[in-house]
Each structure stands twice: as C-alpha cells, then as structure tokens.
Amino acid sequence: MFRSLSPGALGIGGLSFIEAMDLAKATGFQGIDVDIGYLTKLVDETSADEVKKLFSDKGLKMGAWGLPMNWRATGEDYKKGLDNVRRFAKTAQALGCTRLATWILPFSDDMPFKENFDFHVKQFRPIGEVLAEYGCSLGLEFIGPKTMRVGKKYEFIYTMGGMLELCDAIGTGNMGLLLDAWHWYTSHGTLDDLKKLKPEQVVHIHINDAPAGIPVDEQIDNVRCLPGETGVIDLVGFLKCLAEIGCEAPVTPEPFSKKLSSMTPMEAAKTTSDLLISVWKKAGLS
C-alpha cells in the first residue's frame, strides 16, 4: 500500500497535474491519483516511457483513476463511453497504472433489489471485459451510511460482502472493491471481514475518520473527519488487516473536512498527510 493524494478529495482545486504532483511530493505523499485523460494526452504527445520517467523523477507512484464513462447510460451513449474506457485502458496498461474505481448507490426509487442487481451486472460486464483486455481492475464502492437509505423505496447493496457478490456475478475476474474506511465503518464492517479478503479484491482504498459522539447509524455521509482525527474509526486496525493480507492498493484520504477549506493547498495537503502518516506508523507501515 502507499499513501496517494487526490487534491479534489481534499477540496483543492485549480492545480495543474504537474502542480498537484509537486504538492504530493512536498507534503509527504508517496503517490498521486491520476487524471487518465491528461495522461493519455501526454502519452500521445510524448511517449509512455516519458510519462513514466516524469513520475519516477518526482519519486511518485501512480494511484487510481476514475471510470471514464457514465456506466448508467444506454444505447449510443453507453457505446461511446465504452470506447473511452478502451482508449484510456490502453494508456493505463502502457503506464502500469491499472487500478480504477467508481461508486454504487445503496438504493433505488425505481428498481427492486433483484432487478437492480441484474441491471448492474448487465451494465458492468462489458466494461469489465474491456478492462480485462488491458490488465485493468475496477473497484466498486459500496455506500454504507443508513442515513443514505432512509426514505428510499428500495435498498440496494451497502456492505462489503454484498459488493463482492456483485463482483462475482459480473464474472469478468477483474472486479473488486473501492474500500472506503468510512463506508466500512458505517456498514458495521469488522476487522474479521477485512482479514477474509484477498489482496486482488481491494483495488483502491479511501481513508478518513468519523465525527465523535454520533451513533454509527446516524452518521451523515458528507460529514467526515481527517484520518485519525477522532479515532472513532479503527484506522490502525483497518490498515494492519489490509497489510496482513498483502494489499498493494493506493490509500487516498477523502475526509470531506470543512476545516481544510480555509487552508491553502499546501496547508490542507500537509495537515492531511501528517495525520495519515501518524496512523500509518501506528499500523507498522513504512
């Protein structure tokens, strides 16, 4: 595993990709989540070797990237999106940056569970098949908070186990988890659950903490804390378990923290990195 910066996940905007790389390096991150569209353009203008050299010269690893299509689309829009996936996956393979992710809503107001499950299988199987051609793995994020499902007509997958069942049903062999510590905690996940995972099932990791004094089933999805800020989520145990199974995924902070909004990009990234490094060391990671 390695600590990866996503400026957008910290509320940092307006940086070029090179500026974001420099920020990651200056604040103690070991890698950076990538803009696959930008890297594809850069590879087209130079070469894959030149782009890899850019990262190695800065001492950074390539993190994960976002699924570059609206997977809920149909017809021609879906086909165009799948073409994008193929194009970018080819770049990712050439760069050795083969982890990407997206998220799944834990409810539907239109489809009962089985119908919704079948819809997800139908939509993701072609995507998985294309990605498999280029050695890429897709992480699917389950959304844990009970408050996200209250008042919705039909519940859908909101646990790690449920998402792994969907991955198995898709059946392409390259579907796994975007495993977010927040969603693991709010879905009542356990350390034993993590110990049962295979390393290839964890494609990408998000890390954060939860506000103190709020029962787990009353936590609100976009009200979180910086990694290790409160100790509500057992992040040391979380990271230890993932290290023990041999996980190699990038670990990206996604705290949705209002306190970062008043900071400069350097202050926000450094504050987050320092807290994450503290948890990292307590978990015995280097």
Protein backbone atom coordinates (compact mmCIF):
# COMPACT_ATOMS: atom_id res chain seq x y z
CA MET A 1 0.00 0.00 0.00
CA PHE A 2 1.07 3.58 -0.48
CA ARG A 3 -0.29 6.99 0.50
CA SER A 4 -1.81 8.68 -2.55
CA LEU A 5 -3.02 12.26 -2.91
CA SER A 6 -6.22 13.27 -4.67
CA PRO A 7 -6.37 17.09 -4.44
CA GLY A 8 -10.07 17.10 -5.32
CA ALA A 9 -10.86 14.76 -2.43
CA LEU A 10 -9.40 17.41 -0.10
CA GLY A 11 -11.35 20.20 -1.76
CA ILE A 12 -8.24 21.53 -3.52
CA GLY A 13 -8.95 22.83 -7.00
CA GLY A 14 -7.25 24.91 -9.66
CA LEU A 15 -3.97 22.99 -9.81
CA SER A 16 -2.40 21.63 -12.96
CA PHE A 17 -1.48 17.97 -12.81
CA ILE A 18 2.22 18.87 -12.52
CA GLU A 19 1.44 21.27 -9.66
CA ALA A 20 -0.56 18.52 -7.96
CA MET A 21 2.39 16.13 -8.31
CA ASP A 22 4.70 18.71 -6.73
CA LEU A 23 2.21 19.23 -3.90
CA ALA A 24 2.03 15.48 -3.26
CA LYS A 25 5.81 15.19 -3.12
CA ALA A 26 6.26 18.26 -0.91
CA THR A 27 3.71 17.10 1.68
CA GLY A 28 4.84 13.51 2.18
CA PHE A 29 2.54 11.53 -0.10
CA GLN A 30 4.04 8.57 -1.91
CA GLY A 31 1.84 8.78 -4.99
CA ILE A 32 -0.98 10.65 -6.66
CA ASP A 33 -4.31 9.58 -8.10
CA VAL A 34 -4.20 10.25 -11.82
CA ASP A 35 -6.20 12.08 -14.45
CA ILE A 36 -6.17 9.34 -17.09
CA GLY A 37 -7.41 11.73 -19.79
CA TYR A 38 -4.49 14.07 -19.18
CA LEU A 39 -2.00 11.21 -19.10
CA THR A 40 -3.41 9.80 -22.35
CA LYS A 41 -2.90 13.20 -24.00
CA LEU A 42 0.64 13.33 -22.59
CA VAL A 43 1.45 9.84 -23.87
CA ASP A 44 0.11 10.78 -27.30
CA GLU A 45 2.31 13.89 -27.35
CA THR A 46 5.45 12.20 -26.00
CA SER A 47 5.54 8.51 -25.04
CA ALA A 48 4.63 6.15 -22.23
CA ASP A 49 8.29 5.98 -21.23
CA GLU A 50 8.47 9.77 -20.94
CA VAL A 51 5.40 9.85 -18.70
CA LYS A 52 6.74 7.06 -16.50
CA LYS A 53 10.00 8.99 -16.23
CA LEU A 54 8.08 12.07 -15.11
CA PHE A 55 6.71 10.09 -12.17
CA SER A 56 10.00 8.38 -11.33
CA ASP A 57 11.88 11.70 -11.44
CA LYS A 58 9.43 13.11 -8.90
CA GLY A 59 9.58 9.95 -6.79
CA LEU A 60 5.85 9.30 -7.01
CA LYS A 61 3.74 6.25 -7.77
CA MET A 62 0.63 6.34 -9.94
CA GLY A 63 -2.56 5.92 -7.96
CA ALA A 64 -6.05 5.09 -9.17
CA TRP A 65 -8.25 6.82 -11.75
CA GLY A 66 -11.99 7.25 -12.14
CA LEU A 67 -14.11 5.19 -14.51
CA PRO A 68 -14.29 7.48 -17.57
CA MET A 69 -17.89 6.88 -18.56
CA ASN A 70 -21.45 7.12 -17.31
CA TRP A 71 -22.00 3.40 -16.72
CA ARG A 72 -25.73 4.00 -16.19
CA ALA A 73 -26.13 5.20 -19.79
CA THR A 74 -27.74 3.14 -22.53
CA GLY A 75 -27.63 2.92 -26.32
CA GLU A 76 -25.16 5.09 -28.21
CA ASP A 77 -24.09 6.97 -25.07
CA TYR A 78 -23.08 3.69 -23.45
CA LYS A 79 -21.16 2.62 -26.56
CA LYS A 80 -19.26 5.91 -26.70
CA GLY A 81 -18.43 5.58 -23.03
CA LEU A 82 -17.14 2.05 -23.56
CA ASP A 83 -14.93 3.34 -26.38
CA ASN A 84 -13.47 5.85 -23.92
CA VAL A 85 -12.78 3.08 -21.44
CA ARG A 86 -10.91 1.12 -24.11
CA ARG A 87 -8.81 4.10 -25.14
CA PHE A 88 -7.83 5.03 -21.60
CA ALA A 89 -7.27 1.43 -20.51
CA LYS A 90 -4.72 1.08 -23.30
CA THR A 91 -2.84 4.07 -21.85
CA ALA A 92 -3.14 2.66 -18.33
CA GLN A 93 -1.66 -0.66 -19.41
CA ALA A 94 1.28 1.09 -21.09
CA LEU A 95 1.94 3.09 -17.92
CA GLY A 96 1.35 0.26 -15.43
CA CYS A 97 -1.46 2.28 -13.86
CA THR A 98 -4.19 -0.32 -13.94
CA ARG A 99 -6.48 0.49 -10.99
CA LEU A 100 -9.67 2.49 -11.43
CA ALA A 101 -12.89 2.89 -9.48
CA THR A 102 -16.48 4.09 -9.32
CA TRP A 103 -19.30 4.07 -6.77
CA ILE A 104 -22.70 2.41 -6.48
CA LEU A 105 -25.81 4.00 -4.94
CA PRO A 106 -27.20 1.98 -1.99
CA PHE A 107 -30.82 2.48 -3.04
CA SER A 108 -33.19 2.87 -5.96
CA ASP A 109 -36.54 4.58 -6.21
CA ASP A 110 -37.31 2.66 -9.40
CA MET A 111 -35.99 -0.91 -9.26
CA PRO A 112 -36.43 -3.64 -6.62
CA PHE A 113 -33.22 -5.28 -5.44
CA LYS A 114 -33.09 -8.21 -7.89
CA GLU A 115 -33.93 -6.08 -10.90
CA ASN A 116 -31.33 -3.52 -9.85
CA PHE A 117 -28.73 -6.23 -9.25
CA ASP A 118 -29.30 -7.65 -12.74
CA PHE A 119 -29.08 -4.14 -14.21
CA HIS A 120 -25.68 -3.60 -12.59
CA VAL A 121 -24.40 -6.94 -13.88
CA LYS A 122 -25.58 -6.09 -17.40
CA GLN A 123 -24.00 -2.64 -17.33
CA PHE A 124 -20.67 -3.62 -15.78
CA ARG A 125 -19.92 -6.88 -17.56
CA PRO A 126 -18.95 -5.26 -20.90
CA ILE A 127 -16.86 -2.70 -19.02
CA GLY A 128 -15.08 -5.46 -17.12
CA GLU A 129 -14.44 -7.37 -20.33
CA VAL A 130 -12.82 -4.36 -21.99
CA LEU A 131 -10.71 -3.58 -18.92
CA ALA A 132 -9.59 -7.20 -18.66
CA GLU A 133 -8.14 -6.98 -22.16
CA TYR A 134 -5.71 -4.37 -20.84
CA GLY A 135 -5.00 -5.87 -17.43
CA CYS A 136 -7.04 -3.26 -15.55
CA SER A 137 -9.09 -3.81 -12.37
CA LEU A 138 -12.21 -1.86 -11.42
CA GLY A 139 -13.07 -1.12 -7.80
CA LEU A 140 -16.76 -0.72 -6.94
CA GLU A 141 -17.52 1.38 -3.87
CA PHE A 142 -20.38 0.45 -1.56
CA ILE A 143 -22.00 3.37 0.33
CA GLY A 144 -22.54 2.45 3.97
CA PRO A 145 -24.49 5.05 5.98
CA LYS A 146 -28.01 4.05 7.00
CA THR A 147 -29.00 7.72 6.60
CA MET A 148 -28.45 7.35 2.84
CA ARG A 149 -31.14 4.66 2.63
CA VAL A 150 -33.82 6.07 4.92
CA GLY A 151 -36.92 7.09 2.99
CA LYS A 152 -35.85 5.38 -0.22
CA LYS A 153 -38.20 2.93 -1.89
CA TYR A 154 -35.75 0.06 -2.43
CA GLU A 155 -32.50 -0.68 -0.64
CA PHE A 156 -29.52 -1.85 -2.65
CA ILE A 157 -26.02 -3.07 -1.83
CA TYR A 158 -24.39 -1.18 1.05
CA THR A 159 -21.91 -3.70 2.51
CA MET A 160 -18.58 -5.16 1.52
CA GLY A 161 -20.00 -8.66 1.28
CA GLY A 162 -22.84 -7.53 -0.94
CA MET A 163 -20.49 -5.72 -3.30
CA LEU A 164 -18.25 -8.76 -3.59
CA GLU A 165 -21.31 -10.82 -4.56
CA LEU A 166 -21.97 -8.33 -7.34
CA CYS A 167 -18.34 -8.58 -8.48
CA ASP A 168 -18.64 -12.37 -8.64
CA ALA A 169 -21.90 -12.12 -10.60
CA ILE A 170 -20.31 -9.77 -13.15
CA GLY A 171 -17.87 -12.60 -13.66
CA THR A 172 -15.01 -10.91 -15.52
CA GLY A 173 -12.43 -11.68 -12.83
CA ASN A 174 -11.18 -8.11 -12.52
CA MET A 175 -13.89 -6.52 -10.37
CA GLY A 176 -13.13 -5.68 -6.75
CA LEU A 177 -13.63 -3.02 -4.13
CA LEU A 178 -13.04 0.64 -3.73
CA LEU A 179 -12.82 0.09 0.01
CA ASP A 180 -13.59 3.26 1.95
CA ALA A 181 -12.92 3.18 5.70
CA TRP A 182 -15.97 5.39 6.25
CA HIS A 183 -18.32 3.07 4.41
CA TRP A 184 -16.75 0.00 6.04
CA TYR A 185 -17.41 1.60 9.46
CA THR A 186 -20.95 2.86 8.73
CA SER A 187 -21.99 -0.50 7.25
CA HIS A 188 -20.91 -2.16 10.53
CA GLY A 189 -17.93 -3.86 8.91
CA THR A 190 -15.43 -5.67 11.13
CA LEU A 191 -11.71 -6.37 11.14
CA ASP A 192 -12.53 -10.04 10.63
CA ASP A 193 -14.30 -9.09 7.40
CA LEU A 194 -11.11 -7.45 6.17
CA LYS A 195 -8.97 -10.44 7.11
CA LYS A 196 -11.05 -12.65 4.78
CA LEU A 197 -10.30 -10.51 1.73
CA LYS A 198 -7.86 -11.48 -0.99
CA PRO A 199 -5.43 -8.72 -1.95
CA GLU A 200 -6.70 -8.59 -5.54
CA GLN A 201 -10.21 -7.85 -4.25
CA VAL A 202 -9.06 -4.44 -2.94
CA VAL A 203 -8.47 -2.22 -5.95
CA HIS A 204 -8.40 1.19 -4.25
CA ILE A 205 -8.74 2.48 -0.67
CA HIS A 206 -10.21 5.68 0.74
CA ILE A 207 -9.32 6.65 4.28
CA ASN A 208 -10.99 9.08 6.69
CA ASP A 209 -12.42 9.30 10.20
CA ALA A 210 -15.88 9.94 11.66
CA PRO A 211 -17.16 12.66 13.99
CA ALA A 212 -17.23 11.69 17.66
CA GLY A 213 -20.42 11.44 19.70
CA ILE A 214 -22.69 10.38 16.83
CA PRO A 215 -24.12 6.83 16.75
CA VAL A 216 -22.94 4.91 13.71
CA ASP A 217 -26.42 4.68 12.17
CA GLU A 218 -26.84 8.45 12.45
CA GLN A 219 -23.61 9.39 10.67
CA ILE A 220 -24.10 11.63 7.61
CA ASP A 221 -22.12 10.73 4.51
CA ASN A 222 -20.57 14.11 3.72
CA VAL A 223 -19.73 14.98 7.34
CA ARG A 224 -16.44 13.25 8.00
CA CYS A 225 -13.08 13.89 9.62
CA LEU A 226 -9.43 13.70 8.67
CA PRO A 227 -7.67 10.31 9.03
CA GLY A 228 -7.00 9.66 12.72
CA GLU A 229 -8.53 12.97 13.78
CA THR A 230 -11.05 11.49 16.21
CA GLY A 231 -10.17 7.81 16.50
CA VAL A 232 -13.81 6.82 16.02
CA ILE A 233 -12.85 4.54 13.13
CA ASP A 234 -10.17 1.98 13.95
CA LEU A 235 -7.87 3.02 11.13
CA VAL A 236 -4.83 1.36 12.68
CA GLY A 237 -6.62 -1.98 12.72
CA PHE A 238 -8.05 -1.28 9.25
CA LEU A 239 -4.61 -0.71 7.74
CA LYS A 240 -2.99 -3.55 9.67
CA CYS A 241 -5.52 -6.05 8.37
CA LEU A 242 -5.08 -4.88 4.79
CA ALA A 243 -1.31 -5.04 5.13
CA GLU A 244 -1.51 -8.56 6.54
CA ILE A 245 -3.43 -9.86 3.51
CA GLY A 246 -0.81 -8.37 1.18
CA CYS A 247 -2.87 -5.48 -0.17
CA GLU A 248 -0.93 -3.16 -2.51
CA ALA A 249 -3.65 -0.61 -3.31
CA PRO A 250 -3.20 3.16 -3.15
CA VAL A 251 -4.64 4.71 0.02
CA THR A 252 -6.28 8.07 -0.67
CA PRO A 253 -7.66 10.43 2.02
CA GLU A 254 -11.25 11.55 1.37
CA PRO A 255 -12.27 13.40 4.54
CA PHE A 256 -14.88 15.93 3.32
CA SER A 257 -13.46 18.20 6.03
CA LYS A 258 -14.70 21.79 6.24
CA LYS A 259 -11.60 22.85 8.15
CA LEU A 260 -9.48 22.25 5.05
CA SER A 261 -11.48 24.76 3.02
CA SER A 262 -9.96 27.70 4.88
CA MET A 263 -6.41 26.46 4.28
CA THR A 264 -4.03 26.96 1.39
CA PRO A 265 -3.46 23.88 -0.81
CA MET A 266 -0.10 23.32 0.89
CA GLU A 267 -1.60 23.59 4.38
CA ALA A 268 -4.52 21.31 3.53
CA ALA A 269 -2.34 18.63 1.98
CA LYS A 270 0.28 18.82 4.76
CA THR A 271 -2.32 18.67 7.56
CA THR A 272 -3.93 15.63 5.97
CA SER A 273 -0.64 13.93 5.22
CA ASP A 274 0.73 14.42 8.74
CA LEU A 275 -2.35 12.82 10.29
CA LEU A 276 -2.29 9.95 7.81
CA ILE A 277 1.42 9.33 8.40
CA SER A 278 0.75 9.14 12.14
CA VAL A 279 -1.88 6.43 11.62
CA TRP A 280 0.37 4.75 9.05
CA LYS A 281 3.27 4.45 11.51
CA LYS A 282 1.00 3.16 14.30
CA ALA A 283 -0.10 0.43 11.91
CA GLY A 284 3.57 -0.52 11.40
CA LEU A 285 3.68 0.60 7.77
CA SER A 286 6.63 2.35 6.12
